[in-house]
Amino acid sequence: MVTGKAPAPAKAASPTVVDAPQAVILGPVMRKKELIETVVTRSGMKKKDVKPVVETLLAVMGDALSDNRELNLPPFGQLKVRKEKQLRNGRMVVAKIRQTKPPAQTDVLKAVDTDKS
């Protein structure tokens, strides 16, 4: 025979609204040629100087991904490999990229003004 009080009923969990992932509308693909041209335009440097640097940067990033390394490269973001599958001609990688929001322009201006004071 069991004696004592029955346990109190569990409290019902209250529902919580969670933001669902947003659908992403893909823009045009940026290829290496366009990347090099964009760097030339933004930096004001000559294409012959920019091209080897961009190609080396892409090679270093590719090597790091091949070694399953996490990349933390602001403002590009933090990239982590989540899954990979070996294929006949290479491998397929599923990665997660987290980018922080840049500070608002007004916040940057306020910071500059306080530094001048």
N, C-alpha and C. Protein backbone atom coordinates (compact mmCIF):
# COMPACT_ATOMS: atom_id res chain seq x y z
N MET A 1 0.84 -1.16 0.00
CA MET A 1 0.00 0.00 0.00
C MET A 1 0.90 1.24 0.00
N VAL A 2 0.58 2.17 -0.85
CA VAL A 2 1.35 3.39 -0.99
C VAL A 2 0.66 4.48 -0.18
N THR A 3 1.46 5.19 0.60
CA THR A 3 0.89 6.27 1.39
C THR A 3 1.56 7.57 1.01
N GLY A 4 0.94 8.65 1.31
CA GLY A 4 1.52 9.95 1.02
C GLY A 4 0.70 10.70 -0.03
N LYS A 5 1.17 11.86 -0.34
CA LYS A 5 0.46 12.71 -1.30
C LYS A 5 0.91 12.41 -2.72
N ALA A 6 -0.01 12.61 -3.63
CA ALA A 6 0.31 12.46 -5.06
C ALA A 6 1.12 13.69 -5.49
N PRO A 7 2.03 13.52 -6.45
CA PRO A 7 2.81 14.67 -6.91
C PRO A 7 1.91 15.71 -7.55
N ALA A 8 2.34 16.97 -7.40
CA ALA A 8 1.57 18.07 -7.98
C ALA A 8 1.61 17.96 -9.50
N PRO A 9 0.51 18.30 -10.17
CA PRO A 9 0.52 18.23 -11.63
C PRO A 9 1.53 19.22 -12.20
N ALA A 10 2.17 18.83 -13.29
CA ALA A 10 3.17 19.69 -13.93
C ALA A 10 2.48 20.90 -14.53
N LYS A 11 3.18 22.03 -14.49
CA LYS A 11 2.63 23.25 -15.08
C LYS A 11 2.71 23.12 -16.60
N ALA A 12 1.67 23.56 -17.24
CA ALA A 12 1.65 23.52 -18.71
C ALA A 12 2.63 24.55 -19.25
N ALA A 13 3.40 24.15 -20.23
CA ALA A 13 4.36 25.07 -20.84
C ALA A 13 3.61 26.09 -21.67
N SER A 14 4.02 27.33 -21.54
CA SER A 14 3.37 28.37 -22.34
C SER A 14 4.03 28.43 -23.71
N PRO A 15 3.23 28.59 -24.76
CA PRO A 15 3.82 28.62 -26.10
C PRO A 15 4.68 29.87 -26.29
N THR A 16 5.75 29.71 -27.05
CA THR A 16 6.67 30.80 -27.33
C THR A 16 6.75 31.01 -28.83
N VAL A 17 6.65 32.26 -29.26
CA VAL A 17 6.76 32.57 -30.68
C VAL A 17 8.24 32.64 -31.04
N VAL A 18 8.62 31.90 -32.07
CA VAL A 18 10.00 31.85 -32.50
C VAL A 18 10.07 32.37 -33.93
N ASP A 19 11.07 33.21 -34.19
CA ASP A 19 11.25 33.71 -35.55
C ASP A 19 11.72 32.57 -36.44
N ALA A 20 11.00 32.36 -37.50
CA ALA A 20 11.38 31.32 -38.46
C ALA A 20 12.46 31.87 -39.38
N PRO A 21 13.29 31.00 -39.94
CA PRO A 21 14.30 31.47 -40.89
C PRO A 21 13.61 32.18 -42.06
N GLN A 22 14.22 33.24 -42.51
CA GLN A 22 13.68 34.02 -43.61
C GLN A 22 14.15 33.44 -44.94
N ALA A 23 13.26 33.45 -45.91
CA ALA A 23 13.65 33.01 -47.25
C ALA A 23 14.62 34.02 -47.83
N VAL A 24 15.63 33.53 -48.53
CA VAL A 24 16.64 34.39 -49.11
C VAL A 24 16.45 34.41 -50.62
N ILE A 25 16.37 35.61 -51.17
CA ILE A 25 16.29 35.74 -52.61
C ILE A 25 17.71 35.90 -53.12
N LEU A 26 18.14 34.95 -53.92
CA LEU A 26 19.53 34.95 -54.38
C LEU A 26 19.74 35.99 -55.47
N GLY A 27 20.84 36.68 -55.37
CA GLY A 27 21.23 37.63 -56.39
C GLY A 27 22.15 36.95 -57.38
N PRO A 28 22.75 37.72 -58.26
CA PRO A 28 23.67 37.12 -59.23
C PRO A 28 24.91 36.56 -58.54
N VAL A 29 25.52 35.57 -59.16
CA VAL A 29 26.72 34.93 -58.62
C VAL A 29 27.92 35.85 -58.86
N MET A 30 28.74 36.04 -57.82
CA MET A 30 29.98 36.80 -57.99
C MET A 30 31.09 35.82 -58.30
N ARG A 31 31.72 36.00 -59.41
CA ARG A 31 32.82 35.15 -59.83
C ARG A 31 34.14 35.86 -59.53
N LYS A 32 35.23 35.13 -59.66
CA LYS A 32 36.55 35.67 -59.33
C LYS A 32 36.87 36.92 -60.14
N LYS A 33 36.53 36.93 -61.41
CA LYS A 33 36.81 38.08 -62.26
C LYS A 33 36.11 39.34 -61.73
N GLU A 34 34.84 39.19 -61.35
CA GLU A 34 34.11 40.34 -60.80
C GLU A 34 34.69 40.76 -59.45
N LEU A 35 35.10 39.81 -58.63
CA LEU A 35 35.71 40.13 -57.35
C LEU A 35 36.97 40.96 -57.55
N ILE A 36 37.81 40.54 -58.47
CA ILE A 36 39.05 41.27 -58.75
C ILE A 36 38.74 42.69 -59.23
N GLU A 37 37.77 42.81 -60.14
CA GLU A 37 37.40 44.13 -60.66
C GLU A 37 36.84 45.03 -59.56
N THR A 38 36.07 44.46 -58.66
CA THR A 38 35.51 45.24 -57.55
C THR A 38 36.61 45.72 -56.61
N VAL A 39 37.57 44.86 -56.32
CA VAL A 39 38.69 45.25 -55.45
C VAL A 39 39.51 46.35 -56.12
N VAL A 40 39.72 46.24 -57.42
CA VAL A 40 40.45 47.28 -58.17
C VAL A 40 39.71 48.60 -58.05
N THR A 41 38.40 48.58 -58.25
CA THR A 41 37.60 49.80 -58.19
C THR A 41 37.62 50.42 -56.80
N ARG A 42 37.40 49.62 -55.78
CA ARG A 42 37.33 50.15 -54.40
C ARG A 42 38.68 50.58 -53.86
N SER A 43 39.75 49.89 -54.26
CA SER A 43 41.06 50.21 -53.69
C SER A 43 41.81 51.25 -54.49
N GLY A 44 41.48 51.38 -55.78
CA GLY A 44 42.22 52.31 -56.64
C GLY A 44 43.57 51.75 -57.07
N MET A 45 43.82 50.48 -56.79
CA MET A 45 45.09 49.85 -57.18
C MET A 45 44.96 49.30 -58.58
N LYS A 46 46.10 48.95 -59.16
CA LYS A 46 46.12 48.39 -60.50
C LYS A 46 45.74 46.91 -60.46
N LYS A 47 45.09 46.47 -61.55
CA LYS A 47 44.64 45.08 -61.63
C LYS A 47 45.81 44.11 -61.53
N LYS A 48 46.96 44.47 -62.11
CA LYS A 48 48.12 43.56 -62.07
C LYS A 48 48.63 43.38 -60.64
N ASP A 49 48.37 44.35 -59.76
CA ASP A 49 48.77 44.22 -58.36
C ASP A 49 47.71 43.50 -57.53
N VAL A 50 46.45 43.68 -57.89
CA VAL A 50 45.34 43.13 -57.11
C VAL A 50 45.14 41.64 -57.39
N LYS A 51 45.24 41.24 -58.64
CA LYS A 51 44.91 39.87 -59.04
C LYS A 51 45.68 38.80 -58.26
N PRO A 52 47.02 38.90 -58.13
CA PRO A 52 47.73 37.85 -57.38
C PRO A 52 47.35 37.82 -55.90
N VAL A 53 47.02 38.97 -55.34
CA VAL A 53 46.64 39.02 -53.92
C VAL A 53 45.29 38.33 -53.72
N VAL A 54 44.32 38.64 -54.58
CA VAL A 54 43.00 38.02 -54.47
C VAL A 54 43.11 36.51 -54.69
N GLU A 55 43.88 36.08 -55.69
CA GLU A 55 44.02 34.66 -55.95
C GLU A 55 44.70 33.94 -54.78
N THR A 56 45.68 34.58 -54.16
CA THR A 56 46.35 33.99 -53.00
C THR A 56 45.39 33.91 -51.81
N LEU A 57 44.62 34.96 -51.60
CA LEU A 57 43.64 34.97 -50.51
C LEU A 57 42.64 33.84 -50.69
N LEU A 58 42.12 33.66 -51.90
CA LEU A 58 41.16 32.58 -52.15
C LEU A 58 41.81 31.21 -51.94
N ALA A 59 43.07 31.07 -52.32
CA ALA A 59 43.77 29.80 -52.12
C ALA A 59 43.96 29.51 -50.63
N VAL A 60 44.31 30.52 -49.86
CA VAL A 60 44.49 30.34 -48.40
C VAL A 60 43.17 29.96 -47.75
N MET A 61 42.08 30.64 -48.15
CA MET A 61 40.77 30.32 -47.58
C MET A 61 40.35 28.90 -47.98
N GLY A 62 40.61 28.51 -49.23
CA GLY A 62 40.30 27.15 -49.67
C GLY A 62 41.08 26.10 -48.90
N ASP A 63 42.36 26.38 -48.65
CA ASP A 63 43.19 25.45 -47.86
C ASP A 63 42.66 25.32 -46.44
N ALA A 64 42.25 26.44 -45.85
CA ALA A 64 41.71 26.41 -44.48
C ALA A 64 40.43 25.58 -44.43
N LEU A 65 39.56 25.73 -45.44
CA LEU A 65 38.34 24.92 -45.48
C LEU A 65 38.67 23.45 -45.69
N SER A 66 39.68 23.16 -46.49
CA SER A 66 40.10 21.76 -46.71
C SER A 66 40.59 21.13 -45.42
N ASP A 67 41.18 21.95 -44.55
CA ASP A 67 41.68 21.46 -43.26
C ASP A 67 40.60 21.49 -42.18
N ASN A 68 39.34 21.76 -42.58
CA ASN A 68 38.20 21.85 -41.65
C ASN A 68 38.41 22.90 -40.57
N ARG A 69 39.07 23.98 -40.94
CA ARG A 69 39.29 25.06 -39.98
C ARG A 69 38.12 26.02 -40.00
N GLU A 70 37.84 26.62 -38.86
CA GLU A 70 36.83 27.67 -38.77
C GLU A 70 37.48 28.97 -39.21
N LEU A 71 36.75 29.77 -39.98
CA LEU A 71 37.26 31.06 -40.41
C LEU A 71 36.54 32.15 -39.65
N ASN A 72 37.28 33.08 -39.10
CA ASN A 72 36.70 34.23 -38.41
C ASN A 72 37.33 35.47 -39.02
N LEU A 73 36.68 36.02 -40.03
CA LEU A 73 37.25 37.09 -40.84
C LEU A 73 36.29 38.28 -40.95
N PRO A 74 36.24 39.14 -39.94
CA PRO A 74 35.36 40.31 -40.05
C PRO A 74 35.81 41.21 -41.18
N PRO A 75 34.97 41.85 -41.91
CA PRO A 75 33.51 41.85 -41.84
C PRO A 75 32.87 40.73 -42.65
N PHE A 76 33.66 39.85 -43.28
CA PHE A 76 33.10 38.71 -44.01
C PHE A 76 32.23 37.88 -43.09
N GLY A 77 32.72 37.56 -41.91
CA GLY A 77 31.94 36.82 -40.94
C GLY A 77 32.69 35.61 -40.42
N GLN A 78 31.98 34.84 -39.64
CA GLN A 78 32.53 33.63 -39.04
C GLN A 78 31.94 32.45 -39.79
N LEU A 79 32.79 31.61 -40.36
CA LEU A 79 32.35 30.48 -41.18
C LEU A 79 32.74 29.18 -40.50
N LYS A 80 31.75 28.30 -40.33
CA LYS A 80 31.99 26.98 -39.73
C LYS A 80 31.45 25.93 -40.67
N VAL A 81 32.24 24.88 -40.89
CA VAL A 81 31.78 23.76 -41.70
C VAL A 81 30.89 22.89 -40.82
N ARG A 82 29.67 22.64 -41.29
CA ARG A 82 28.71 21.84 -40.53
C ARG A 82 28.69 20.39 -40.98
N LYS A 83 28.69 20.18 -42.30
CA LYS A 83 28.64 18.82 -42.85
C LYS A 83 29.51 18.79 -44.09
N GLU A 84 29.97 17.59 -44.41
CA GLU A 84 30.71 17.42 -45.65
C GLU A 84 30.43 16.03 -46.20
N LYS A 85 30.54 15.93 -47.52
CA LYS A 85 30.34 14.65 -48.19
C LYS A 85 31.39 14.54 -49.28
N GLN A 86 32.11 13.44 -49.28
CA GLN A 86 33.13 13.22 -50.30
C GLN A 86 32.46 12.80 -51.61
N LEU A 87 32.86 13.43 -52.69
CA LEU A 87 32.36 13.12 -54.03
C LEU A 87 33.51 12.63 -54.89
N ARG A 88 33.22 12.12 -56.07
CA ARG A 88 34.27 11.63 -56.96
C ARG A 88 35.24 12.73 -57.36
N ASN A 89 34.71 13.93 -57.62
CA ASN A 89 35.56 15.01 -58.12
C ASN A 89 35.83 16.09 -57.07
N GLY A 90 35.63 15.81 -55.81
CA GLY A 90 35.86 16.81 -54.76
C GLY A 90 35.03 16.49 -53.54
N ARG A 91 34.52 17.52 -52.91
CA ARG A 91 33.65 17.30 -51.76
C ARG A 91 32.59 18.39 -51.72
N MET A 92 31.47 18.06 -51.12
CA MET A 92 30.39 19.02 -50.93
C MET A 92 30.42 19.42 -49.46
N VAL A 93 30.36 20.71 -49.20
CA VAL A 93 30.44 21.22 -47.85
C VAL A 93 29.20 22.04 -47.55
N VAL A 94 28.61 21.80 -46.39
CA VAL A 94 27.52 22.64 -45.89
C VAL A 94 28.14 23.47 -44.78
N ALA A 95 28.08 24.78 -44.95
CA ALA A 95 28.72 25.68 -43.99
C ALA A 95 27.72 26.68 -43.44
N LYS A 96 28.04 27.21 -42.29
CA LYS A 96 27.23 28.25 -41.65
C LYS A 96 28.09 29.50 -41.58
N ILE A 97 27.55 30.61 -42.05
CA ILE A 97 28.26 31.89 -41.97
C ILE A 97 27.45 32.81 -41.09
N ARG A 98 28.10 33.36 -40.08
CA ARG A 98 27.44 34.31 -39.19
C ARG A 98 28.10 35.66 -39.39
N GLN A 99 27.30 36.65 -39.73
CA GLN A 99 27.80 38.01 -39.91
C GLN A 99 27.16 38.90 -38.86
N THR A 100 27.97 39.72 -38.23
CA THR A 100 27.43 40.68 -37.28
C THR A 100 26.92 41.89 -38.04
N LYS A 101 25.95 42.55 -37.46
CA LYS A 101 25.43 43.74 -38.09
C LYS A 101 26.44 44.87 -37.92
N PRO A 102 26.71 45.61 -38.99
CA PRO A 102 27.62 46.75 -38.83
C PRO A 102 26.94 47.81 -37.98
N PRO A 103 27.73 48.59 -37.23
CA PRO A 103 27.11 49.63 -36.41
C PRO A 103 26.41 50.63 -37.31
N ALA A 104 25.32 51.19 -36.80
CA ALA A 104 24.58 52.18 -37.57
C ALA A 104 25.47 53.40 -37.80
N GLN A 105 25.24 54.06 -38.91
CA GLN A 105 26.06 55.23 -39.28
C GLN A 105 26.00 56.29 -38.18
N THR A 106 24.83 56.49 -37.56
CA THR A 106 24.72 57.51 -36.51
C THR A 106 25.56 57.13 -35.30
N ASP A 107 25.64 55.83 -34.97
CA ASP A 107 26.47 55.39 -33.84
C ASP A 107 27.95 55.66 -34.12
N VAL A 108 28.36 55.45 -35.35
CA VAL A 108 29.76 55.70 -35.72
C VAL A 108 30.06 57.20 -35.62
N LEU A 109 29.15 58.02 -36.10
CA LEU A 109 29.36 59.47 -36.04
C LEU A 109 29.40 59.96 -34.59
N LYS A 110 28.55 59.41 -33.72
CA LYS A 110 28.55 59.79 -32.31
C LYS A 110 29.89 59.42 -31.66
N ALA A 111 30.41 58.25 -32.00
CA ALA A 111 31.69 57.81 -31.44
C ALA A 111 32.82 58.73 -31.88
N VAL A 112 32.78 59.18 -33.13
CA VAL A 112 33.81 60.09 -33.62
C VAL A 112 33.70 61.44 -32.93
N ASP A 113 32.47 61.92 -32.73
CA ASP A 113 32.28 63.21 -32.06
C ASP A 113 32.76 63.19 -30.62
N THR A 114 32.52 62.08 -29.90
CA THR A 114 32.96 62.00 -28.51
C THR A 114 34.48 61.89 -28.41
N ASP A 115 35.12 61.31 -29.43
CA ASP A 115 36.58 61.24 -29.42
C ASP A 115 37.20 62.61 -29.60
N LYS A 116 36.53 63.50 -30.33
CA LYS A 116 37.07 64.83 -30.57
C LYS A 116 36.92 65.75 -29.37
N SER A 117 35.99 65.42 -28.46
CA SER A 117 35.73 66.28 -27.30
C SER A 117 36.86 66.26 -26.32
